[in-house]
Amino acid sequence: MLSRMVTAVVAVLLLVLAASPAEARWYRAESKRFIVYSDGDKDALAKFVSDLEDYDAILLDMMLVPAERVEPPKLKIYLVGRQEDLKIVRPNISSLVAGFYSASLDDIFFIADRPQSRDTLADDVIYHEYAHHFMYHYATRSYPGWYVEGFAEYFGAVELKDTSFIVGGLAHGRGYTLFNSKWVPLGDLLSKRPYEFKTGEESISFYAQAWLLTHYMRSDPQRLKQLNRYFAALTPDKNPAETWTEVTGDSMDALTVKLRAYARGNLPATSFTRREKRKLAPSTITELSPAAADFVLLQLRLSGGVEEKEQAAVLSLVRARAAKYPGDHMAETTLARAELGFGDFDKGRALIGGLLARDPNDAEALQILGIALVQKAEDDKDEDKLLKEARKYLARAYQANNDDYRTLYYFTQAQRGLPGYPSENTVELLTEAQVRAPQVQEVPLTLASALMSHKRWDEAVALLTPLANDPHGEGAAEAAQDMLRRIKANR
């Protein structure tokens, strides 16, 4: 029975993946802060990118991000016209999901249904997830789960107009939930993460109440000051509800009464006048080649790992598609990743060798092989030899492009077994990776572990505390909490 189920899963996967996106025209838009791929209208793509640049500028301005900030890498966004296209990237995704954000050691990207207008749920999803991406990069302190979600809900409903923008509008569906669903106790709202609520109704109420509490606290200057004092007063060993009462004077019962009254009132949305009438933010838009269009989503399928039961199907499809485009860079790099990861390792090496023969400074090809060697070394008897070779390729990848967090991170993993590991150089490289990709959970966890080995406790605590409170952290949050306990026991 089990073997028939696996066969059925693979058959469905092949049907989904075999539907080639190359039938549609795909465009790539690059602006100051974003790289966006879309199979939709070229003019609509230009407007979408411009709106996103404006949204980013609003967040930077309202959150008082300093001008001398460290810029994150350009975020890659993929807009698709069919829910089936989301399944190309994540076959098991629910049909109710309009998009998802992924930050892993493979890549950082966001994929979503293509917006039809600014009033669609797809837009709210995109703006909500970008608010998370923004907060993870620029946060100067640890925030509790309810505020992480409330912040994304609050700013995700921003309305952009030619001469103004409006912040604080009602997020999709939240008003209905507030008046028609049972509220979760506010003590639970302040202390729990979304995945800790066991029913769908509780989870939906959590998001609605998180939005309402964020709206309530941000809508008044004095309450906003209280909110910041509350964040400063929170520590892992303090009860969030008791701390709230200490800072604001409101018990959970009193706060519940105030929030219900606030929800029944005329919730204030704030309109900000633009200094000048909006102009489309500049972007460069190009049409993808047939090969790139055929691989634009399939190459994302390899990000985040492919389950063992699906590997044969995915590898077969990648091989078949790559055979149609001999010499194409995206086709060959995608095939090389698949072969090195779960196919014929020697064939993958040969593909990389061909790419490097054409361009010895191909940073992507160098990185792909270096990472594959690090991963192969984890359970290979020739670990030292493989890691030495990995260091060679990753060093060359770094020389070709020193901004990629993946190259930095995996170079530190290739240092395993060297005398004094993790060395000060390891810490420096991981710190560089952390600056570029704080959203990727493995990076702060690995850096914190290296700092702990050097007894740099305070720096490790500063890294681990936001992750320990991450509402989406789950396993990583638990690992961070365990590391914080070990620091407390050893310092």
Protein backbone atom coordinates (compact mmCIF):
# COMPACT_ATOMS: atom_id res chain seq x y z
CA MET A 1 0.00 0.00 0.00
CA LEU A 2 2.77 2.44 0.97
CA SER A 3 4.67 1.88 -2.29
CA ARG A 4 1.49 2.57 -4.31
CA MET A 5 0.96 5.81 -2.36
CA VAL A 6 4.52 6.96 -3.04
CA THR A 7 4.10 6.11 -6.75
CA ALA A 8 0.89 8.14 -6.85
CA VAL A 9 2.56 11.12 -5.18
CA VAL A 10 5.41 11.04 -7.69
CA ALA A 11 2.95 10.77 -10.60
CA VAL A 12 1.05 13.83 -9.41
CA LEU A 13 4.31 15.69 -8.92
CA LEU A 14 5.38 14.93 -12.49
CA LEU A 15 2.07 16.19 -13.86
CA VAL A 16 2.42 19.46 -11.94
CA LEU A 17 6.05 20.01 -12.86
CA ALA A 18 5.66 18.96 -16.47
CA ALA A 19 3.32 21.89 -17.15
CA SER A 20 5.98 24.17 -18.59
CA PRO A 21 5.72 27.88 -17.76
CA ALA A 22 7.54 28.71 -21.01
CA GLU A 23 4.20 28.96 -22.83
CA ALA A 24 3.73 32.37 -21.20
CA ARG A 25 6.01 35.36 -21.61
CA TRP A 26 8.14 35.92 -18.57
CA TYR A 27 9.67 39.28 -17.67
CA ARG A 28 12.40 40.27 -15.24
CA ALA A 29 12.28 43.72 -13.61
CA GLU A 30 15.19 45.08 -11.59
CA SER A 31 14.92 48.21 -9.47
CA LYS A 32 16.92 49.75 -6.64
CA ARG A 33 15.81 47.18 -4.04
CA PHE A 34 14.08 44.36 -5.91
CA ILE A 35 14.33 41.79 -8.68
CA VAL A 36 10.85 40.71 -9.77
CA TYR A 37 9.91 37.95 -12.22
CA SER A 38 6.40 37.82 -13.64
CA ASP A 39 4.49 35.96 -16.33
CA GLY A 40 2.02 38.85 -16.59
CA ASP A 41 1.72 42.17 -18.38
CA LYS A 42 4.93 44.18 -18.73
CA ASP A 43 3.32 47.53 -17.80
CA ALA A 44 1.60 46.00 -14.78
CA LEU A 45 4.97 44.65 -13.66
CA ALA A 46 6.54 48.13 -13.89
CA LYS A 47 3.76 49.54 -11.69
CA PHE A 48 4.03 46.68 -9.21
CA VAL A 49 7.78 47.27 -8.79
CA SER A 50 7.23 51.01 -8.42
CA ASP A 51 4.56 50.43 -5.74
CA LEU A 52 6.91 48.09 -3.90
CA GLU A 53 9.72 50.67 -3.98
CA ASP A 54 7.30 53.25 -2.57
CA TYR A 55 6.18 50.83 0.13
CA ASP A 56 9.79 50.16 1.10
CA ALA A 57 10.49 53.90 1.27
CA ILE A 58 7.43 54.37 3.54
CA LEU A 59 8.66 51.65 5.91
CA LEU A 60 12.16 53.13 5.99
CA ASP A 61 10.76 56.57 6.77
CA MET A 62 8.15 55.55 9.35
CA MET A 63 10.48 53.16 11.17
CA LEU A 64 13.25 55.81 11.30
CA VAL A 65 15.84 53.53 9.69
CA PRO A 66 19.14 55.49 9.63
CA ALA A 67 20.49 56.65 6.27
CA GLU A 68 23.81 54.89 6.91
CA ARG A 69 22.02 51.52 7.11
CA VAL A 70 23.46 48.34 5.64
CA GLU A 71 21.46 47.59 2.50
CA PRO A 72 20.14 44.04 2.17
CA PRO A 73 20.62 42.10 -1.06
CA LYS A 74 17.89 42.78 -3.58
CA LEU A 75 14.88 40.64 -2.72
CA LYS A 76 13.77 38.27 -5.48
CA ILE A 77 10.00 38.07 -6.00
CA TYR A 78 8.14 35.73 -8.36
CA LEU A 79 4.60 36.58 -9.50
CA VAL A 80 2.53 33.77 -11.02
CA GLY A 81 -0.87 33.64 -12.67
CA ARG A 82 -2.02 30.23 -11.44
CA GLN A 83 -2.12 28.45 -8.12
CA GLU A 84 -0.64 25.45 -9.92
CA ASP A 85 2.52 27.50 -10.46
CA LEU A 86 3.00 27.73 -6.70
CA LYS A 87 2.86 23.93 -6.62
CA ILE A 88 5.77 23.76 -9.06
CA VAL A 89 7.89 25.27 -6.29
CA ARG A 90 6.17 23.59 -3.32
CA PRO A 91 4.03 20.63 -4.48
CA ASN A 92 2.37 20.13 -1.08
CA ILE A 93 1.22 23.73 -0.65
CA SER A 94 -2.44 24.23 0.26
CA SER A 95 -4.77 25.50 -2.45
CA LEU A 96 -5.80 28.23 0.02
CA VAL A 97 -2.29 29.73 0.13
CA ALA A 98 -1.78 32.80 -2.07
CA GLY A 99 1.99 32.93 -1.67
CA PHE A 100 4.92 32.29 0.65
CA TYR A 101 8.26 33.73 1.72
CA SER A 102 11.33 31.53 1.94
CA ALA A 103 14.60 32.39 3.66
CA SER A 104 17.02 29.47 3.74
CA LEU A 105 20.62 28.56 3.06
CA ASP A 106 19.54 27.97 -0.54
CA ASP A 107 18.03 31.39 -1.27
CA ILE A 108 15.80 34.21 -0.06
CA PHE A 109 12.72 34.82 -2.19
CA PHE A 110 9.00 35.41 -2.19
CA ILE A 111 6.47 33.88 -4.60
CA ALA A 112 2.80 34.82 -4.84
CA ASP A 113 -0.27 34.98 -7.03
CA ARG A 114 0.06 37.89 -9.40
CA PRO A 115 -1.98 40.87 -8.09
CA GLN A 116 -4.96 41.87 -10.19
CA SER A 117 -5.42 45.17 -8.35
CA ARG A 118 -4.29 46.78 -5.09
CA ASP A 119 -7.53 45.60 -3.50
CA THR A 120 -6.82 41.89 -3.82
CA LEU A 121 -5.81 39.48 -1.07
CA ALA A 122 -2.66 38.65 -3.08
CA ASP A 123 -1.44 42.22 -2.57
CA ASP A 124 -2.00 42.03 1.17
CA VAL A 125 -0.02 38.78 1.26
CA ILE A 126 2.89 40.35 -0.63
CA TYR A 127 2.98 43.49 1.50
CA HIS A 128 2.54 41.46 4.71
CA GLU A 129 5.46 39.18 3.88
CA TYR A 130 7.68 42.04 2.78
CA ALA A 131 7.00 43.74 6.13
CA HIS A 132 8.39 40.57 7.80
CA HIS A 133 11.44 40.62 5.53
CA PHE A 134 11.96 44.31 6.35
CA MET A 135 11.60 43.80 10.11
CA TYR A 136 13.99 40.84 10.18
CA HIS A 137 16.65 42.92 8.44
CA TYR A 138 16.30 46.19 10.34
CA ALA A 139 14.99 45.21 13.77
CA THR A 140 17.10 46.75 16.53
CA ARG A 141 15.53 44.66 19.30
CA SER A 142 13.64 41.46 19.91
CA TYR A 143 9.88 41.67 19.34
CA PRO A 144 7.19 39.29 20.66
CA GLY A 145 5.26 37.15 18.21
CA TRP A 146 2.04 39.16 18.35
CA TYR A 147 3.84 42.34 17.34
CA VAL A 148 5.80 40.65 14.55
CA GLU A 149 2.47 39.62 13.01
CA GLY A 150 0.63 42.78 14.00
CA PHE A 151 3.33 44.94 12.38
CA ALA A 152 3.03 42.99 9.12
CA GLU A 153 -0.78 43.20 9.21
CA TYR A 154 -0.75 46.91 10.06
CA PHE A 155 1.65 47.99 7.32
CA GLY A 156 0.55 45.29 4.88
CA ALA A 157 -2.76 47.10 4.36
CA VAL A 158 -1.09 50.36 3.29
CA GLU A 159 -2.94 52.18 0.49
CA LEU A 160 -0.80 53.99 -2.08
CA LYS A 161 -2.24 57.00 -3.92
CA ASP A 162 -0.76 59.55 -6.32
CA THR A 163 -0.57 62.36 -3.76
CA SER A 164 -0.76 60.46 -0.47
CA PHE A 165 -0.51 57.12 1.25
CA ILE A 166 -2.76 55.75 3.98
CA VAL A 167 -1.53 53.57 6.85
CA GLY A 168 -3.78 51.82 9.36
CA GLY A 169 -6.58 50.69 7.08
CA LEU A 170 -8.47 47.52 7.89
CA ALA A 171 -6.61 44.38 6.88
CA HIS A 172 -8.63 41.88 4.81
CA GLY A 173 -11.09 39.89 6.95
CA ARG A 174 -9.80 41.11 10.31
CA GLY A 175 -12.88 43.22 11.14
CA TYR A 176 -15.22 40.30 10.56
CA THR A 177 -13.11 38.08 12.81
CA LEU A 178 -13.01 40.64 15.62
CA PHE A 179 -16.80 40.87 15.77
CA ASN A 180 -17.79 37.30 14.94
CA SER A 181 -15.15 35.02 16.44
CA LYS A 182 -14.19 34.14 19.99
CA TRP A 183 -11.14 36.10 21.12
CA VAL A 184 -8.09 34.36 22.48
CA PRO A 185 -7.20 35.53 26.02
CA LEU A 186 -4.89 38.53 25.83
CA GLY A 187 -2.42 36.86 28.16
CA ASP A 188 -2.08 34.12 25.52
CA LEU A 189 -1.87 36.71 22.73
CA LEU A 190 1.09 38.38 24.45
CA SER A 191 2.95 35.17 25.26
CA LYS A 192 2.27 32.59 22.52
CA ARG A 193 3.40 32.16 18.93
CA PRO A 194 0.87 31.60 16.10
CA TYR A 195 1.65 27.89 15.75
CA GLU A 196 0.94 27.34 19.45
CA PHE A 197 -2.78 27.99 18.89
CA LYS A 198 -4.27 24.60 18.14
CA THR A 199 -7.45 25.46 16.21
CA GLY A 200 -8.01 27.42 13.03
CA GLU A 201 -10.39 29.79 14.80
CA GLU A 202 -7.82 30.56 17.49
CA SER A 203 -5.13 31.18 14.88
CA ILE A 204 -7.34 33.55 12.87
CA SER A 205 -8.31 35.39 16.06
CA PHE A 206 -4.62 35.70 16.99
CA TYR A 207 -3.85 37.55 13.76
CA ALA A 208 -6.90 39.80 14.02
CA GLN A 209 -6.18 40.71 17.65
CA ALA A 210 -2.48 41.20 16.92
CA TRP A 211 -3.45 43.67 14.19
CA LEU A 212 -5.92 45.44 16.53
CA LEU A 213 -3.46 45.73 19.42
CA THR A 214 -0.74 47.03 17.10
CA HIS A 215 -3.20 49.53 15.61
CA TYR A 216 -4.32 50.64 19.07
CA MET A 217 -0.79 51.17 20.38
CA ARG A 218 0.53 52.88 17.23
CA SER A 219 -2.45 55.21 16.75
CA ASP A 220 -1.62 57.39 19.76
CA PRO A 221 1.81 58.99 20.48
CA GLN A 222 1.61 58.28 24.21
CA ARG A 223 0.59 54.67 23.70
CA LEU A 224 3.40 54.26 21.17
CA LYS A 225 5.89 55.43 23.83
CA GLN A 226 4.39 52.90 26.25
CA LEU A 227 4.75 50.19 23.61
CA ASN A 228 8.45 50.91 23.16
CA ARG A 229 8.94 50.93 26.95
CA TYR A 230 7.18 47.57 27.07
CA PHE A 231 9.50 46.08 24.46
CA ALA A 232 12.51 47.39 26.38
CA ALA A 233 11.22 45.88 29.63
CA LEU A 234 10.55 42.40 28.19
CA THR A 235 13.03 39.68 29.07
CA PRO A 236 12.77 35.90 28.53
CA ASP A 237 12.26 35.27 32.24
CA LYS A 238 9.46 37.86 32.73
CA ASN A 239 5.75 37.21 32.29
CA PRO A 240 4.58 39.29 29.28
CA ALA A 241 1.12 40.02 30.75
CA GLU A 242 2.55 41.14 34.11
CA THR A 243 5.13 43.29 32.32
CA TRP A 244 2.36 44.89 30.26
CA THR A 245 0.49 45.82 33.44
CA GLU A 246 3.66 47.21 35.02
CA VAL A 247 4.37 49.43 32.01
CA THR A 248 0.87 50.54 30.96
CA GLY A 249 -1.16 50.12 34.13
CA ASP A 250 -3.73 47.96 32.30
CA SER A 251 -4.61 44.47 33.46
CA MET A 252 -5.55 41.95 30.79
CA ASP A 253 -9.24 42.44 31.61
CA ALA A 254 -8.92 46.22 31.36
CA LEU A 255 -7.01 45.96 28.09
CA THR A 256 -9.68 43.63 26.68
CA VAL A 257 -12.41 46.17 27.47
CA LYS A 258 -10.40 48.99 25.85
CA LEU A 259 -9.63 46.97 22.71
CA ARG A 260 -13.26 45.92 22.22
CA ALA A 261 -14.36 49.54 22.56
CA TYR A 262 -11.58 50.64 20.18
CA ALA A 263 -12.65 48.03 17.60
CA ARG A 264 -16.24 49.34 17.72
CA GLY A 265 -15.08 52.90 17.14
CA ASN A 266 -13.96 54.67 14.00
CA LEU A 267 -10.50 53.13 13.66
CA PRO A 268 -8.16 55.92 12.59
CA ALA A 269 -6.28 55.38 9.34
CA THR A 270 -3.58 58.02 8.92
CA SER A 271 -3.13 59.76 5.57
CA PHE A 272 0.32 61.15 4.77
CA THR A 273 0.72 63.73 2.03
CA ARG A 274 3.49 63.06 -0.46
CA ARG A 275 6.07 65.76 -1.03
CA GLU A 276 5.42 65.49 -4.76
CA LYS A 277 3.08 63.58 -7.02
CA ARG A 278 4.08 59.96 -7.47
CA LYS A 279 6.26 58.95 -10.35
CA LEU A 280 7.03 55.39 -11.35
CA ALA A 281 10.25 54.30 -9.68
CA PRO A 282 12.81 53.40 -12.36
CA SER A 283 13.28 49.75 -13.22
CA THR A 284 14.84 47.81 -16.05
CA ILE A 285 12.54 45.23 -17.61
CA THR A 286 13.72 42.48 -19.93
CA GLU A 287 11.95 39.46 -21.43
CA LEU A 288 13.35 36.09 -20.40
CA SER A 289 14.66 33.68 -22.99
CA PRO A 290 12.63 30.50 -23.63
CA ALA A 291 15.17 28.53 -21.58
CA ALA A 292 15.02 30.95 -18.63
CA ALA A 293 11.21 30.95 -18.78
CA ASP A 294 11.24 27.15 -18.69
CA PHE A 295 13.50 27.08 -15.61
CA VAL A 296 12.46 30.20 -13.69
CA LEU A 297 10.16 28.26 -11.33
CA LEU A 298 11.74 24.83 -11.65
CA GLN A 299 15.07 26.10 -10.28
CA LEU A 300 13.19 27.32 -7.20
CA ARG A 301 11.94 23.76 -6.69
CA LEU A 302 15.46 22.85 -5.59
CA SER A 303 15.49 25.55 -2.90
CA GLY A 304 14.72 24.22 0.55
CA GLY A 305 15.44 20.62 -0.42
CA VAL A 306 13.60 17.93 -2.35
CA GLU A 307 12.08 15.02 -0.42
CA GLU A 308 13.71 11.67 -1.17
CA LYS A 309 10.50 10.20 -2.61
CA GLU A 310 10.34 13.07 -5.14
CA GLN A 311 14.01 13.24 -6.13
CA ALA A 312 13.86 10.80 -9.03
CA ALA A 313 10.90 12.61 -10.59
CA VAL A 314 12.45 16.04 -10.21
CA LEU A 315 15.83 14.88 -11.52
CA SER A 316 14.21 13.25 -14.56
CA LEU A 317 12.33 16.43 -15.40
CA VAL A 318 15.35 18.71 -14.95
CA ARG A 319 17.43 16.44 -17.18
CA ALA A 320 14.73 16.41 -19.88
CA ARG A 321 14.32 20.17 -19.88
CA ALA A 322 18.05 20.88 -19.80
CA ALA A 323 18.53 18.65 -22.85
CA LYS A 324 16.38 21.12 -24.81
CA TYR A 325 18.79 23.99 -24.10
CA PRO A 326 22.42 22.86 -24.49
CA GLY A 327 24.84 25.58 -23.43
CA ASP A 328 22.24 27.67 -21.57
CA HIS A 329 23.58 28.92 -18.24
CA MET A 330 20.39 28.60 -16.18
CA ALA A 331 19.61 25.17 -17.59
CA GLU A 332 23.11 23.90 -16.87
CA THR A 333 23.40 25.39 -13.37
CA THR A 334 19.98 23.99 -12.40
CA LEU A 335 20.91 20.57 -13.75
CA ALA A 336 24.29 20.72 -11.97
CA ARG A 337 22.57 21.47 -8.65
CA ALA A 338 20.19 18.55 -9.12
CA GLU A 339 22.95 16.11 -10.12
CA LEU A 340 25.23 17.19 -7.27
CA GLY A 341 22.39 17.10 -4.76
CA PHE A 342 20.65 13.82 -5.53
CA GLY A 343 21.77 12.56 -8.94
CA ASP A 344 25.13 11.68 -10.47
CA PHE A 345 27.72 13.68 -8.53
CA ASP A 346 30.44 13.20 -11.15
CA LYS A 347 28.11 14.37 -13.91
CA GLY A 348 27.33 17.48 -11.82
CA ARG A 349 31.05 18.19 -11.41
CA ALA A 350 31.56 17.84 -15.14
CA LEU A 351 28.78 20.36 -15.82
CA ILE A 352 30.40 22.85 -13.45
CA GLY A 353 33.73 22.17 -15.11
CA GLY A 354 32.24 23.12 -18.47
CA LEU A 355 30.80 26.35 -17.07
CA LEU A 356 34.14 27.30 -15.51
CA ALA A 357 35.97 26.51 -18.73
CA ARG A 358 33.82 29.19 -20.38
CA ASP A 359 34.16 31.61 -17.44
CA PRO A 360 36.65 30.83 -14.64
CA ASN A 361 35.09 33.62 -12.53
CA ASP A 362 31.51 32.32 -12.72
CA ALA A 363 30.57 33.01 -9.07
CA GLU A 364 27.38 30.93 -9.21
CA ALA A 365 29.10 27.85 -10.65
CA LEU A 366 31.96 28.13 -8.14
CA GLN A 367 29.50 28.46 -5.29
CA ILE A 368 27.34 25.53 -6.41
CA LEU A 369 30.30 23.14 -6.47
CA GLY A 370 31.80 24.48 -3.23
CA ILE A 371 28.52 24.02 -1.35
CA ALA A 372 28.00 20.56 -2.83
CA LEU A 373 31.46 19.50 -1.63
CA VAL A 374 30.74 20.76 1.90
CA GLN A 375 27.46 18.84 1.97
CA LYS A 376 29.03 15.68 0.54
CA ALA A 377 31.78 15.83 3.18
CA GLU A 378 29.25 15.52 6.03
CA ASP A 379 29.02 11.74 5.66
CA ASP A 380 32.07 10.88 3.54
CA LYS A 381 35.26 9.11 4.65
CA ASP A 382 37.29 11.67 2.65
CA GLU A 383 35.86 14.59 4.65
CA ASP A 384 39.14 16.50 5.05
CA LYS A 385 39.97 16.21 1.33
CA LEU A 386 36.48 17.34 0.28
CA LEU A 387 36.48 20.28 2.68
CA LYS A 388 39.90 21.41 1.45
CA GLU A 389 38.62 21.34 -2.12
CA ALA A 390 35.43 23.15 -1.08
CA ARG A 391 37.48 25.96 0.48
CA LYS A 392 39.29 26.43 -2.82
CA TYR A 393 36.09 26.84 -4.84
CA LEU A 394 34.31 28.97 -2.23
CA ALA A 395 37.32 31.28 -1.91
CA ARG A 396 37.19 31.82 -5.67
CA ALA A 397 33.42 32.40 -5.47
CA TYR A 398 34.00 35.01 -2.75
CA GLN A 399 36.58 36.79 -4.91
CA ALA A 400 34.08 36.89 -7.77
CA ASN A 401 31.18 38.07 -5.55
CA ASN A 402 31.79 38.94 -1.90
CA ASP A 403 28.15 39.89 -1.16
CA ASP A 404 26.56 36.43 -1.17
CA TYR A 405 25.71 35.13 2.30
CA ARG A 406 25.69 31.52 1.07
CA THR A 407 29.32 31.67 0.00
CA LEU A 408 30.30 33.23 3.33
CA TYR A 409 28.34 30.73 5.41
CA TYR A 410 29.50 27.59 3.61
CA PHE A 411 33.12 28.74 3.60
CA THR A 412 32.95 28.71 7.41
CA GLN A 413 31.49 25.19 7.27
CA ALA A 414 34.37 24.15 5.02
CA GLN A 415 36.73 25.21 7.84
CA ARG A 416 35.54 22.32 10.00
CA GLY A 417 38.47 20.28 11.25
CA LEU A 418 41.02 23.07 10.90
CA PRO A 419 43.05 23.86 14.06
CA GLY A 420 41.27 26.29 16.37
CA TYR A 421 37.90 25.97 14.64
CA PRO A 422 35.82 28.09 14.97
CA SER A 423 38.55 30.71 14.64
CA GLU A 424 38.24 34.48 14.78
CA ASN A 425 38.19 34.38 10.98
CA THR A 426 35.17 32.04 11.18
CA VAL A 427 33.41 34.54 13.44
CA GLU A 428 34.20 37.42 11.07
CA LEU A 429 32.86 35.57 8.03
CA LEU A 430 29.71 34.50 9.86
CA THR A 431 29.21 38.09 11.01
CA GLU A 432 29.37 39.20 7.38
CA ALA A 433 26.80 36.55 6.47
CA GLN A 434 24.58 37.68 9.36
CA VAL A 435 24.64 41.29 8.14
CA ARG A 436 23.53 40.18 4.68
CA ALA A 437 20.96 37.55 5.68
CA PRO A 438 19.69 37.86 9.26
CA GLN A 439 16.43 36.27 8.05
CA VAL A 440 18.10 32.89 7.50
CA GLN A 441 17.83 31.12 10.86
CA GLU A 442 20.91 28.92 10.48
CA VAL A 443 23.16 31.98 10.16
CA PRO A 444 22.52 33.58 13.60
CA LEU A 445 22.41 30.15 15.25
CA THR A 446 25.81 29.21 13.81
CA LEU A 447 27.32 32.60 14.57
CA ALA A 448 25.99 32.49 18.14
CA SER A 449 27.53 29.04 18.62
CA ALA A 450 30.89 30.35 17.38
CA LEU A 451 30.64 33.35 19.71
CA MET A 452 29.84 31.05 22.63
CA SER A 453 32.98 29.03 21.93
CA HIS A 454 34.92 32.29 22.40
CA LYS A 455 32.87 33.13 25.54
CA ARG A 456 31.46 36.25 23.89
CA TRP A 457 28.24 35.76 25.80
CA ASP A 458 26.60 39.17 25.41
CA GLU A 459 26.97 39.14 21.62
CA ALA A 460 25.53 35.63 21.46
CA VAL A 461 22.55 36.63 23.62
CA ALA A 462 21.84 39.64 21.38
CA LEU A 463 21.72 37.34 18.35
CA LEU A 464 19.68 34.57 19.93
CA THR A 465 16.99 36.59 21.70
CA PRO A 466 15.10 37.74 18.55
CA LEU A 467 15.25 34.21 17.15
CA ALA A 468 14.04 32.73 20.43
CA ASN A 469 10.97 34.98 20.18
CA ASP A 470 10.40 34.48 16.43
CA PRO A 471 6.71 33.55 15.91
CA HIS A 472 7.69 31.46 12.87
CA GLY A 473 10.86 30.04 14.41
CA GLU A 474 9.54 26.71 15.71
CA GLY A 475 12.61 24.41 15.76
CA ALA A 476 15.07 27.29 15.40
CA ALA A 477 13.34 29.20 18.21
CA GLU A 478 13.61 26.16 20.46
CA ALA A 479 17.30 25.78 19.58
CA ALA A 480 17.87 29.46 20.39
CA GLN A 481 16.08 29.10 23.73
CA ASP A 482 18.23 26.07 24.59
CA MET A 483 21.41 28.01 23.72
CA LEU A 484 20.27 30.94 25.89
CA ARG A 485 19.80 28.51 28.81
CA ARG A 486 23.31 27.15 28.27
CA ILE A 487 24.75 30.67 28.22
CA LYS A 488 22.99 31.47 31.49
CA ALA A 489 24.41 28.32 33.06
CA ASN A 490 27.99 28.88 31.88
CA ARG A 491 28.68 32.61 31.95
